[in-house]
Amino acid sequence: MAEKVKVSIVAATSNRISKYFKDVVSELKKVVWPTRVQVVKNTITVLIACLIVGIIIWLADAGFAYLRHLLFKI
């Protein structure tokens, strides 16, 4: 009896794993993947946005450092 329970648990687990991967493949077929041109455009947009934000933070940091220098003469 115990052997049948172990076998049925293994079979059930195997079926669940198999179903999971079939579902994953099914969902991946539904995905609309971007074209290479879209990926390049989006990558360039993100890099430019990061550069702009970095420059803004750098300017703010330099400005506050200058103010601190004026106020405390450090």
N, C-alpha and C. Protein backbone atom coordinates (compact mmCIF):
# COMPACT_ATOMS: atom_id res chain seq x y z
N MET A 1 0.83 -1.20 0.00
CA MET A 1 0.00 0.00 0.00
C MET A 1 0.87 1.26 0.00
N ALA A 2 1.92 1.23 0.82
CA ALA A 2 2.79 2.40 0.90
C ALA A 2 3.50 2.64 -0.43
N GLU A 3 3.84 1.55 -1.13
CA GLU A 3 4.50 1.69 -2.43
C GLU A 3 3.58 2.36 -3.44
N LYS A 4 2.29 2.02 -3.42
CA LYS A 4 1.34 2.63 -4.35
C LYS A 4 1.21 4.13 -4.08
N VAL A 5 1.22 4.49 -2.80
CA VAL A 5 1.11 5.90 -2.44
C VAL A 5 2.33 6.67 -2.94
N LYS A 6 3.53 6.09 -2.76
CA LYS A 6 4.75 6.74 -3.21
C LYS A 6 4.75 6.90 -4.73
N VAL A 7 4.33 5.86 -5.43
CA VAL A 7 4.29 5.90 -6.89
C VAL A 7 3.28 6.94 -7.36
N SER A 8 2.12 7.00 -6.71
CA SER A 8 1.12 7.97 -7.14
C SER A 8 1.56 9.40 -6.84
N ILE A 9 2.29 9.60 -5.75
CA ILE A 9 2.81 10.94 -5.44
C ILE A 9 3.84 11.35 -6.48
N VAL A 10 4.72 10.42 -6.85
CA VAL A 10 5.72 10.71 -7.87
C VAL A 10 5.05 11.01 -9.21
N ALA A 11 4.06 10.23 -9.56
CA ALA A 11 3.35 10.44 -10.83
C ALA A 11 2.62 11.78 -10.82
N ALA A 12 1.98 12.11 -9.71
CA ALA A 12 1.26 13.38 -9.61
C ALA A 12 2.23 14.56 -9.71
N THR A 13 3.36 14.44 -9.03
CA THR A 13 4.36 15.50 -9.09
C THR A 13 4.91 15.64 -10.50
N SER A 14 5.16 14.52 -11.14
CA SER A 14 5.66 14.55 -12.51
C SER A 14 4.64 15.20 -13.45
N ASN A 15 3.38 14.89 -13.26
CA ASN A 15 2.33 15.49 -14.09
C ASN A 15 2.24 17.00 -13.86
N ARG A 16 2.37 17.44 -12.61
CA ARG A 16 2.30 18.87 -12.32
C ARG A 16 3.48 19.62 -12.93
N ILE A 17 4.66 19.01 -12.84
CA ILE A 17 5.84 19.65 -13.43
C ILE A 17 5.70 19.73 -14.94
N SER A 18 5.24 18.65 -15.55
CA SER A 18 5.04 18.62 -17.00
C SER A 18 4.02 19.68 -17.42
N LYS A 19 2.92 19.78 -16.69
CA LYS A 19 1.88 20.77 -17.00
C LYS A 19 2.43 22.19 -16.85
N TYR A 20 3.24 22.40 -15.82
CA TYR A 20 3.82 23.73 -15.60
C TYR A 20 4.65 24.16 -16.81
N PHE A 21 5.53 23.29 -17.27
CA PHE A 21 6.38 23.66 -18.40
C PHE A 21 5.59 23.81 -19.69
N LYS A 22 4.55 23.03 -19.87
CA LYS A 22 3.68 23.20 -21.04
C LYS A 22 3.00 24.57 -20.98
N ASP A 23 2.56 24.97 -19.79
CA ASP A 23 1.93 26.28 -19.62
C ASP A 23 2.93 27.41 -19.88
N VAL A 24 4.17 27.22 -19.43
CA VAL A 24 5.21 28.24 -19.66
C VAL A 24 5.44 28.42 -21.15
N VAL A 25 5.57 27.33 -21.88
CA VAL A 25 5.78 27.41 -23.33
C VAL A 25 4.59 28.07 -23.99
N SER A 26 3.39 27.73 -23.55
CA SER A 26 2.18 28.32 -24.11
C SER A 26 2.15 29.83 -23.89
N GLU A 27 2.52 30.28 -22.70
CA GLU A 27 2.53 31.71 -22.41
C GLU A 27 3.63 32.43 -23.20
N LEU A 28 4.78 31.79 -23.36
CA LEU A 28 5.86 32.42 -24.12
C LEU A 28 5.50 32.60 -25.59
N LYS A 29 4.64 31.75 -26.10
CA LYS A 29 4.19 31.90 -27.48
C LYS A 29 3.28 33.12 -27.64
N LYS A 30 2.65 33.56 -26.55
CA LYS A 30 1.75 34.71 -26.60
C LYS A 30 2.49 36.04 -26.48
N VAL A 31 3.73 35.99 -26.05
CA VAL A 31 4.50 37.22 -25.83
C VAL A 31 4.80 37.89 -27.16
N VAL A 32 4.62 39.21 -27.19
CA VAL A 32 4.97 39.98 -28.37
C VAL A 32 6.37 40.55 -28.12
N TRP A 33 7.35 39.95 -28.78
CA TRP A 33 8.73 40.35 -28.55
C TRP A 33 9.05 41.60 -29.37
N PRO A 34 9.82 42.54 -28.81
CA PRO A 34 10.17 43.75 -29.55
C PRO A 34 11.16 43.44 -30.67
N THR A 35 11.14 44.28 -31.68
CA THR A 35 12.09 44.12 -32.77
C THR A 35 13.45 44.65 -32.32
N ARG A 36 14.46 44.35 -33.10
CA ARG A 36 15.81 44.83 -32.77
C ARG A 36 15.85 46.35 -32.77
N VAL A 37 15.16 46.98 -33.71
CA VAL A 37 15.13 48.45 -33.78
C VAL A 37 14.50 49.02 -32.52
N GLN A 38 13.40 48.43 -32.05
CA GLN A 38 12.75 48.91 -30.83
C GLN A 38 13.67 48.76 -29.63
N VAL A 39 14.37 47.64 -29.55
CA VAL A 39 15.28 47.42 -28.43
C VAL A 39 16.40 48.46 -28.44
N VAL A 40 16.95 48.73 -29.60
CA VAL A 40 18.03 49.73 -29.70
C VAL A 40 17.51 51.11 -29.32
N LYS A 41 16.33 51.49 -29.83
CA LYS A 41 15.76 52.81 -29.49
C LYS A 41 15.51 52.92 -27.99
N ASN A 42 14.92 51.89 -27.41
CA ASN A 42 14.63 51.93 -25.97
C ASN A 42 15.91 51.97 -25.14
N THR A 43 16.92 51.23 -25.57
CA THR A 43 18.20 51.24 -24.86
C THR A 43 18.83 52.62 -24.91
N ILE A 44 18.83 53.24 -26.07
CA ILE A 44 19.40 54.58 -26.21
C ILE A 44 18.61 55.57 -25.35
N THR A 45 17.29 55.45 -25.34
CA THR A 45 16.46 56.34 -24.52
C THR A 45 16.80 56.21 -23.04
N VAL A 46 16.96 54.98 -22.57
CA VAL A 46 17.29 54.75 -21.16
C VAL A 46 18.68 55.31 -20.85
N LEU A 47 19.64 55.09 -21.72
CA LEU A 47 20.99 55.60 -21.48
C LEU A 47 21.01 57.12 -21.43
N ILE A 48 20.29 57.77 -22.33
CA ILE A 48 20.22 59.23 -22.33
C ILE A 48 19.53 59.73 -21.06
N ALA A 49 18.44 59.07 -20.65
CA ALA A 49 17.75 59.47 -19.43
C ALA A 49 18.67 59.32 -18.22
N CYS A 50 19.43 58.23 -18.16
CA CYS A 50 20.37 58.04 -17.05
C CYS A 50 21.44 59.12 -17.05
N LEU A 51 21.93 59.47 -18.22
CA LEU A 51 22.94 60.51 -18.33
C LEU A 51 22.39 61.85 -17.85
N ILE A 52 21.19 62.19 -18.26
CA ILE A 52 20.57 63.46 -17.85
C ILE A 52 20.36 63.50 -16.34
N VAL A 53 19.83 62.42 -15.78
CA VAL A 53 19.61 62.38 -14.33
C VAL A 53 20.95 62.44 -13.59
N GLY A 54 21.96 61.75 -14.11
CA GLY A 54 23.28 61.80 -13.50
C GLY A 54 23.86 63.21 -13.50
N ILE A 55 23.70 63.92 -14.60
CA ILE A 55 24.19 65.30 -14.68
C ILE A 55 23.44 66.19 -13.70
N ILE A 56 22.13 66.02 -13.61
CA ILE A 56 21.34 66.82 -12.66
C ILE A 56 21.80 66.57 -11.23
N ILE A 57 22.00 65.31 -10.88
CA ILE A 57 22.46 64.99 -9.52
C ILE A 57 23.86 65.55 -9.28
N TRP A 58 24.73 65.44 -10.28
CA TRP A 58 26.08 65.97 -10.15
C TRP A 58 26.06 67.48 -9.94
N LEU A 59 25.23 68.18 -10.72
CA LEU A 59 25.12 69.64 -10.57
C LEU A 59 24.57 70.02 -9.19
N ALA A 60 23.56 69.30 -8.72
CA ALA A 60 23.01 69.58 -7.40
C ALA A 60 24.06 69.34 -6.32
N ASP A 61 24.81 68.25 -6.44
CA ASP A 61 25.86 67.95 -5.47
C ASP A 61 26.94 69.02 -5.48
N ALA A 62 27.35 69.43 -6.67
CA ALA A 62 28.38 70.47 -6.77
C ALA A 62 27.87 71.79 -6.20
N GLY A 63 26.61 72.11 -6.47
CA GLY A 63 26.02 73.34 -5.94
C GLY A 63 25.95 73.33 -4.43
N PHE A 64 25.50 72.23 -3.84
CA PHE A 64 25.44 72.14 -2.38
C PHE A 64 26.83 72.15 -1.76
N ALA A 65 27.80 71.53 -2.42
CA ALA A 65 29.17 71.56 -1.91
C ALA A 65 29.71 72.98 -1.93
N TYR A 66 29.41 73.72 -2.98
CA TYR A 66 29.85 75.11 -3.07
C TYR A 66 29.19 75.96 -1.98
N LEU A 67 27.88 75.75 -1.76
CA LEU A 67 27.18 76.48 -0.69
C LEU A 67 27.77 76.14 0.67
N ARG A 68 28.07 74.87 0.90
CA ARG A 68 28.67 74.47 2.17
C ARG A 68 30.02 75.15 2.33
N HIS A 69 30.77 75.20 1.25
CA HIS A 69 32.08 75.86 1.30
C HIS A 69 31.92 77.34 1.65
N LEU A 70 30.94 78.01 1.04
CA LEU A 70 30.72 79.43 1.33
C LEU A 70 30.27 79.65 2.77
N LEU A 71 29.40 78.78 3.26
CA LEU A 71 28.85 78.96 4.60
C LEU A 71 29.85 78.60 5.69
N PHE A 72 30.61 77.55 5.52
CA PHE A 72 31.46 77.06 6.60
C PHE A 72 32.95 77.26 6.34
N LYS A 73 33.31 77.70 5.17
CA LYS A 73 34.72 77.94 4.80
C LYS A 73 35.59 76.73 5.14
N ILE A 74 35.10 75.57 4.74
CA ILE A 74 35.85 74.33 5.01
C ILE A 74 36.84 74.10 3.89
